[in-house]
Amino acid sequence: MKAVLEKGGKFEGINRKVQIKPTKCIQRDDGGDPEVTEALVVLKWGGSLTDVGLTQAGALGERYRNELFPGDSTTFLRLHNSYRHDLKIYSSDEGRVQTTAAAFTKKFLALEGEL
């Protein structure tokens, strides 16, 4: 496993994932949880969101804001500034999903700067 991780360079940040999937188990005599005797380990890195995906997520965030607050989305933006510390955005831990959520939120809240 170490050789595979080192082959891909740094294995850190939001664009990495490790999955361990049991493939064979034996039932224990004491009736407890089965004992895993064989497992498949899946190591993933990469999975970066494309430029098209970033653009689409941003466009959706802006559209969503404009449809929720038709005609005057500045009211929402002023509300956002006063309650921004209470806002929570949820996503899975997959790197592409977090990047999509960030791009959506950036345009939804009309934020400036990098993701």
Protein backbone atom coordinates (compact mmCIF):
# COMPACT_ATOMS: atom_id res chain seq x y z
CA MET A 1 0.00 0.00 0.00
CA LYS A 2 2.84 2.38 0.84
CA ALA A 3 4.40 1.91 -2.61
CA VAL A 4 1.10 2.73 -4.32
CA LEU A 5 0.63 5.85 -2.23
CA GLU A 6 4.17 7.04 -2.91
CA LYS A 7 3.82 6.36 -6.64
CA GLY A 8 1.07 8.98 -6.94
CA GLY A 9 3.12 11.64 -5.16
CA LYS A 10 1.60 13.35 -2.15
CA PHE A 11 -1.52 11.61 -0.90
CA GLU A 12 -3.12 14.46 0.99
CA GLY A 13 -5.75 17.14 0.70
CA ILE A 14 -9.39 16.85 -0.32
CA ASN A 15 -8.74 14.90 -3.53
CA ARG A 16 -7.90 11.55 -1.98
CA LYS A 17 -9.91 8.62 -0.73
CA VAL A 18 -9.23 5.21 0.82
CA GLN A 19 -11.88 2.49 0.81
CA ILE A 20 -11.59 -0.87 2.55
CA LYS A 21 -14.17 -3.41 1.40
CA PRO A 22 -14.39 -6.82 3.07
CA THR A 23 -14.51 -9.61 0.46
CA LYS A 24 -14.38 -12.71 2.70
CA CYS A 25 -15.48 -13.19 6.30
CA ILE A 26 -15.80 -16.09 8.70
CA GLN A 27 -18.40 -16.34 11.43
CA ARG A 28 -16.95 -16.43 14.92
CA ASP A 29 -17.83 -19.32 17.25
CA ASP A 30 -18.80 -16.97 20.06
CA GLY A 31 -21.54 -15.38 17.89
CA GLY A 32 -19.77 -12.04 17.71
CA ASP A 33 -19.17 -9.97 14.62
CA PRO A 34 -17.74 -11.87 11.64
CA GLU A 35 -13.96 -11.79 11.25
CA VAL A 36 -12.70 -10.31 7.99
CA THR A 37 -10.18 -12.64 6.38
CA GLU A 38 -9.78 -10.82 3.07
CA ALA A 39 -10.36 -7.23 2.04
CA LEU A 40 -10.09 -5.10 -1.06
CA VAL A 41 -8.27 -1.80 -0.51
CA VAL A 42 -9.10 0.95 -3.01
CA LEU A 43 -6.86 4.03 -3.06
CA LYS A 44 -8.00 7.02 -5.09
CA TRP A 45 -6.41 10.36 -5.74
CA GLY A 46 -7.22 13.04 -8.24
CA GLY A 47 -10.85 13.49 -9.09
CA SER A 48 -10.51 17.22 -9.51
CA LEU A 49 -13.55 19.12 -10.68
CA THR A 50 -13.30 20.32 -14.28
CA ASP A 51 -13.52 23.98 -15.28
CA VAL A 52 -16.93 23.25 -16.82
CA GLY A 53 -18.08 21.75 -13.51
CA LEU A 54 -16.88 24.81 -11.59
CA THR A 55 -18.70 27.11 -14.02
CA GLN A 56 -21.91 25.08 -13.83
CA ALA A 57 -21.88 24.97 -10.02
CA GLY A 58 -21.30 28.73 -9.86
CA ALA A 59 -24.04 29.45 -12.39
CA LEU A 60 -26.45 27.29 -10.41
CA GLY A 61 -25.60 29.14 -7.17
CA GLU A 62 -26.21 32.52 -8.78
CA ARG A 63 -29.44 31.32 -10.42
CA TYR A 64 -30.66 29.85 -7.15
CA ARG A 65 -30.07 33.17 -5.35
CA ASN A 66 -31.85 35.14 -8.09
CA GLU A 67 -34.85 32.79 -8.09
CA LEU A 68 -35.18 32.78 -4.30
CA PHE A 69 -34.98 36.57 -4.18
CA PRO A 70 -36.32 37.78 -7.55
CA GLY A 71 -35.70 41.40 -8.42
CA ASP A 72 -33.60 42.26 -5.36
CA SER A 73 -31.01 39.72 -4.36
CA THR A 74 -29.11 42.46 -2.47
CA THR A 75 -31.57 42.01 0.43
CA PHE A 76 -30.37 38.44 0.77
CA LEU A 77 -26.73 39.50 0.53
CA ARG A 78 -27.18 42.04 3.35
CA LEU A 79 -28.87 39.34 5.43
CA HIS A 80 -25.97 37.04 4.64
CA ASN A 81 -23.45 39.60 5.94
CA SER A 82 -25.18 39.80 9.31
CA TYR A 83 -25.69 36.04 9.75
CA ARG A 84 -22.70 34.65 7.87
CA HIS A 85 -21.23 32.94 10.92
CA ASP A 86 -24.39 30.85 11.39
CA LEU A 87 -24.54 29.59 7.80
CA LYS A 88 -23.73 25.91 7.38
CA ILE A 89 -23.06 24.16 4.08
CA TYR A 90 -22.98 20.36 4.10
CA SER A 91 -21.37 18.03 1.58
CA SER A 92 -19.76 14.62 1.54
CA ASP A 93 -16.03 14.27 2.15
CA GLU A 94 -15.32 13.60 -1.55
CA GLY A 95 -13.01 16.30 -2.93
CA ARG A 96 -15.04 17.00 -6.07
CA VAL A 97 -18.23 17.35 -4.01
CA GLN A 98 -16.59 19.81 -1.61
CA THR A 99 -15.26 21.86 -4.54
CA THR A 100 -18.71 21.86 -6.16
CA ALA A 101 -20.31 23.02 -2.90
CA ALA A 102 -17.71 25.77 -2.56
CA ALA A 103 -18.26 27.02 -6.14
CA PHE A 104 -22.05 26.99 -5.65
CA THR A 105 -21.79 28.82 -2.31
CA LYS A 106 -19.33 31.40 -3.65
CA LYS A 107 -21.80 32.52 -6.33
CA PHE A 108 -24.88 32.02 -4.15
CA LEU A 109 -23.46 34.44 -1.58
CA ALA A 110 -21.65 36.61 -4.19
CA LEU A 111 -18.30 36.07 -2.48
CA GLU A 112 -14.96 37.18 -3.92
CA GLY A 113 -11.63 35.37 -4.05
CA GLU A 114 -10.37 31.86 -4.65
CA LEU A 115 -12.22 28.69 -3.71
